[in-house]
Structures are given as C-alpha cells and as structure tokens.
Amino acid sequence: MSTYQEKAKECKCCGKHVPLPTVLREYEGITVCPTTFSNIIEYKRIWTSLGSRPNGSIRKHFSEFVQQIVEDSNAK
C-alpha cells in the first residue's frame, strides 16, 4: 500500500478518496483532506457571520461530517 493510501485512511470525511489526497490537514485534532478542511473553514465563517447555525438552505451544501465538526467546535 502506498504512503498516500495509508495517509488517506486518516481522513474520515468519506469512505474512499478518488483521487487520493497527497496532503492532509488538521482541524482541532481531526485529520481531514484539503477539500473537507476548506469546507470546514467556510462553514465556520458563515456560522460566525450569521451568529448562529446556518439555515437548511445553506447547510445542505455541506456534509454532515463538516457540520458536526463545526458544531462541536462551537460548543466548546
């Protein structure tokens, strides 16, 4: 198994990455691929600008995984 295949297992955002990420990011101790990391940052930015959890018409554009990470970070 290649180094990239091993690293991709650390990201829990989806069952299988295609193509495999060559770089992983970390958000509050959670290893994620670059796409998920960008989505976390954007969802967090929207939440902060609204001052509360975004409504369903915005949330539908973000995975449940991303939403849960941001919601958990806001609960701290």
N, C-alpha and C. Protein backbone atom coordinates (compact mmCIF):
# COMPACT_ATOMS: atom_id res chain seq x y z
N MET A 1 0.86 -1.18 0.00
CA MET A 1 0.00 0.00 0.00
C MET A 1 0.90 1.25 0.00
N SER A 2 0.55 2.23 -0.80
CA SER A 2 1.37 3.43 -0.91
C SER A 2 1.20 4.33 0.32
N THR A 3 2.12 5.25 0.47
CA THR A 3 2.06 6.23 1.56
C THR A 3 0.77 7.03 1.48
N TYR A 4 0.35 7.41 0.28
CA TYR A 4 -0.88 8.18 0.10
C TYR A 4 -2.10 7.38 0.53
N GLN A 5 -2.12 6.09 0.23
CA GLN A 5 -3.24 5.25 0.64
C GLN A 5 -3.32 5.15 2.15
N GLU A 6 -2.18 5.03 2.80
CA GLU A 6 -2.14 4.96 4.26
C GLU A 6 -2.60 6.28 4.88
N LYS A 7 -2.11 7.41 4.34
CA LYS A 7 -2.49 8.72 4.87
C LYS A 7 -3.98 8.98 4.68
N ALA A 8 -4.51 8.58 3.53
CA ALA A 8 -5.92 8.84 3.23
C ALA A 8 -6.84 8.14 4.22
N LYS A 9 -6.40 7.04 4.82
CA LYS A 9 -7.20 6.33 5.81
C LYS A 9 -7.45 7.18 7.06
N GLU A 10 -6.55 8.15 7.32
CA GLU A 10 -6.68 9.00 8.49
C GLU A 10 -7.86 9.97 8.35
N CYS A 11 -8.22 10.32 7.13
CA CYS A 11 -9.33 11.25 6.89
C CYS A 11 -10.63 10.47 6.94
N LYS A 12 -11.55 10.92 7.78
CA LYS A 12 -12.81 10.21 7.98
C LYS A 12 -13.99 10.89 7.28
N CYS A 13 -13.70 11.78 6.33
CA CYS A 13 -14.77 12.55 5.70
C CYS A 13 -15.59 11.72 4.71
N CYS A 14 -14.99 10.67 4.17
CA CYS A 14 -15.73 9.84 3.22
C CYS A 14 -15.16 8.43 3.24
N GLY A 15 -15.85 7.53 2.63
CA GLY A 15 -15.41 6.14 2.62
C GLY A 15 -14.21 5.89 1.75
N LYS A 16 -14.10 6.64 0.66
CA LYS A 16 -13.00 6.42 -0.26
C LYS A 16 -12.67 7.72 -0.98
N HIS A 17 -11.40 8.05 -1.01
CA HIS A 17 -10.95 9.24 -1.73
C HIS A 17 -10.50 8.85 -3.13
N VAL A 18 -11.04 9.51 -4.14
CA VAL A 18 -10.60 9.32 -5.51
C VAL A 18 -10.54 10.69 -6.17
N PRO A 19 -9.40 11.17 -6.53
CA PRO A 19 -8.08 10.61 -6.27
C PRO A 19 -7.70 10.77 -4.80
N LEU A 20 -6.65 10.07 -4.40
CA LEU A 20 -6.19 10.15 -3.02
C LEU A 20 -5.59 11.52 -2.74
N PRO A 21 -5.83 12.07 -1.55
CA PRO A 21 -5.18 13.34 -1.20
C PRO A 21 -3.69 13.11 -1.01
N THR A 22 -2.89 14.04 -1.46
CA THR A 22 -1.44 13.94 -1.26
C THR A 22 -1.00 14.71 -0.03
N VAL A 23 -1.88 15.57 0.47
CA VAL A 23 -1.61 16.35 1.68
C VAL A 23 -2.85 16.29 2.54
N LEU A 24 -2.68 16.13 3.84
CA LEU A 24 -3.80 16.16 4.75
C LEU A 24 -3.67 17.37 5.66
N ARG A 25 -4.78 17.84 6.16
CA ARG A 25 -4.82 18.99 7.06
C ARG A 25 -5.36 18.53 8.40
N GLU A 26 -5.22 19.38 9.40
CA GLU A 26 -5.75 19.07 10.71
C GLU A 26 -6.58 20.24 11.21
N TYR A 27 -7.76 19.93 11.73
CA TYR A 27 -8.64 20.93 12.33
C TYR A 27 -9.02 20.43 13.71
N GLU A 28 -8.57 21.12 14.72
CA GLU A 28 -8.85 20.77 16.11
C GLU A 28 -8.59 19.29 16.40
N GLY A 29 -7.47 18.81 15.92
CA GLY A 29 -7.06 17.44 16.18
C GLY A 29 -7.66 16.40 15.27
N ILE A 30 -8.47 16.81 14.30
CA ILE A 30 -9.12 15.88 13.37
C ILE A 30 -8.42 15.99 12.03
N THR A 31 -7.92 14.87 11.53
CA THR A 31 -7.23 14.85 10.24
C THR A 31 -8.25 14.78 9.12
N VAL A 32 -8.14 15.71 8.17
CA VAL A 32 -9.08 15.76 7.04
C VAL A 32 -8.34 16.07 5.75
N CYS A 33 -8.98 15.76 4.64
CA CYS A 33 -8.41 16.09 3.34
C CYS A 33 -8.55 17.59 3.08
N PRO A 34 -7.82 18.13 2.11
CA PRO A 34 -7.88 19.57 1.85
C PRO A 34 -9.28 20.09 1.49
N THR A 35 -10.07 19.31 0.79
CA THR A 35 -11.42 19.76 0.42
C THR A 35 -12.29 19.91 1.67
N THR A 36 -12.25 18.92 2.53
CA THR A 36 -13.04 18.99 3.76
C THR A 36 -12.55 20.12 4.65
N PHE A 37 -11.25 20.32 4.71
CA PHE A 37 -10.69 21.42 5.50
C PHE A 37 -11.24 22.76 5.00
N SER A 38 -11.24 22.96 3.71
CA SER A 38 -11.77 24.20 3.13
C SER A 38 -13.25 24.37 3.46
N ASN A 39 -14.00 23.28 3.39
CA ASN A 39 -15.43 23.34 3.72
C ASN A 39 -15.66 23.66 5.19
N ILE A 40 -14.83 23.13 6.06
CA ILE A 40 -14.94 23.44 7.49
C ILE A 40 -14.72 24.93 7.72
N ILE A 41 -13.67 25.46 7.11
CA ILE A 41 -13.35 26.88 7.27
C ILE A 41 -14.48 27.76 6.74
N GLU A 42 -15.04 27.40 5.60
CA GLU A 42 -16.14 28.20 5.02
C GLU A 42 -17.41 28.11 5.86
N TYR A 43 -17.76 26.91 6.32
CA TYR A 43 -18.96 26.74 7.14
C TYR A 43 -18.80 27.51 8.45
N LYS A 44 -17.61 27.45 9.03
CA LYS A 44 -17.33 28.19 10.27
C LYS A 44 -17.46 29.69 10.03
N ARG A 45 -16.95 30.17 8.86
CA ARG A 45 -17.05 31.60 8.52
C ARG A 45 -18.50 32.03 8.40
N ILE A 46 -19.31 31.23 7.74
CA ILE A 46 -20.73 31.54 7.57
C ILE A 46 -21.42 31.56 8.93
N TRP A 47 -21.16 30.55 9.76
CA TRP A 47 -21.76 30.47 11.09
C TRP A 47 -21.41 31.72 11.89
N THR A 48 -20.13 32.11 11.86
CA THR A 48 -19.68 33.29 12.60
C THR A 48 -20.35 34.57 12.09
N SER A 49 -20.45 34.71 10.78
CA SER A 49 -21.06 35.92 10.22
C SER A 49 -22.56 36.01 10.55
N LEU A 50 -23.24 34.86 10.63
CA LEU A 50 -24.66 34.86 10.97
C LEU A 50 -24.88 34.95 12.48
N GLY A 51 -23.90 34.49 13.24
CA GLY A 51 -24.02 34.49 14.69
C GLY A 51 -24.79 33.30 15.23
N SER A 52 -25.16 32.37 14.36
CA SER A 52 -25.87 31.16 14.77
C SER A 52 -25.73 30.11 13.66
N ARG A 53 -26.27 28.94 13.95
CA ARG A 53 -26.22 27.85 12.97
C ARG A 53 -26.94 28.28 11.68
N PRO A 54 -26.30 28.07 10.52
CA PRO A 54 -26.95 28.43 9.25
C PRO A 54 -28.23 27.64 9.02
N ASN A 55 -29.14 28.22 8.26
CA ASN A 55 -30.40 27.52 7.97
C ASN A 55 -30.18 26.39 6.96
N GLY A 56 -31.21 25.61 6.75
CA GLY A 56 -31.12 24.43 5.91
C GLY A 56 -30.70 24.69 4.47
N SER A 57 -31.07 25.84 3.93
CA SER A 57 -30.71 26.13 2.54
C SER A 57 -29.20 26.34 2.38
N ILE A 58 -28.53 26.67 3.46
CA ILE A 58 -27.06 26.78 3.43
C ILE A 58 -26.44 25.45 3.85
N ARG A 59 -26.96 24.84 4.90
CA ARG A 59 -26.40 23.59 5.42
C ARG A 59 -26.39 22.48 4.38
N LYS A 60 -27.36 22.47 3.49
CA LYS A 60 -27.44 21.38 2.51
C LYS A 60 -26.22 21.31 1.60
N HIS A 61 -25.44 22.38 1.55
CA HIS A 61 -24.25 22.41 0.71
C HIS A 61 -23.01 21.86 1.42
N PHE A 62 -23.16 21.48 2.69
CA PHE A 62 -22.04 20.99 3.48
C PHE A 62 -22.38 19.61 4.03
N SER A 63 -21.41 18.72 4.03
CA SER A 63 -21.65 17.36 4.52
C SER A 63 -21.98 17.37 6.01
N GLU A 64 -22.64 16.31 6.44
CA GLU A 64 -22.95 16.17 7.87
C GLU A 64 -21.66 16.12 8.68
N PHE A 65 -20.62 15.54 8.11
CA PHE A 65 -19.32 15.46 8.78
C PHE A 65 -18.78 16.87 9.06
N VAL A 66 -18.80 17.74 8.06
CA VAL A 66 -18.34 19.12 8.22
C VAL A 66 -19.20 19.85 9.24
N GLN A 67 -20.50 19.73 9.13
CA GLN A 67 -21.41 20.40 10.06
C GLN A 67 -21.13 19.96 11.49
N GLN A 68 -20.94 18.66 11.70
CA GLN A 68 -20.72 18.15 13.05
C GLN A 68 -19.42 18.68 13.64
N ILE A 69 -18.37 18.74 12.85
CA ILE A 69 -17.08 19.25 13.33
C ILE A 69 -17.23 20.70 13.77
N VAL A 70 -17.90 21.52 12.95
CA VAL A 70 -18.06 22.93 13.29
C VAL A 70 -18.99 23.09 14.49
N GLU A 71 -20.07 22.34 14.53
CA GLU A 71 -20.99 22.42 15.67
C GLU A 71 -20.28 22.04 16.97
N ASP A 72 -19.47 20.99 16.91
CA ASP A 72 -18.72 20.58 18.10
C ASP A 72 -17.73 21.65 18.53
N SER A 73 -17.09 22.30 17.56
CA SER A 73 -16.11 23.35 17.91
C SER A 73 -16.80 24.58 18.48
N ASN A 74 -18.03 24.86 18.06
CA ASN A 74 -18.77 26.00 18.59
C ASN A 74 -19.31 25.72 19.99
N ALA A 75 -19.47 24.45 20.33
CA ALA A 75 -19.99 24.09 21.65
C ALA A 75 -18.92 24.25 22.74
N LYS A 76 -17.67 24.34 22.32
CA LYS A 76 -16.57 24.45 23.29
C LYS A 76 -16.46 25.83 23.86
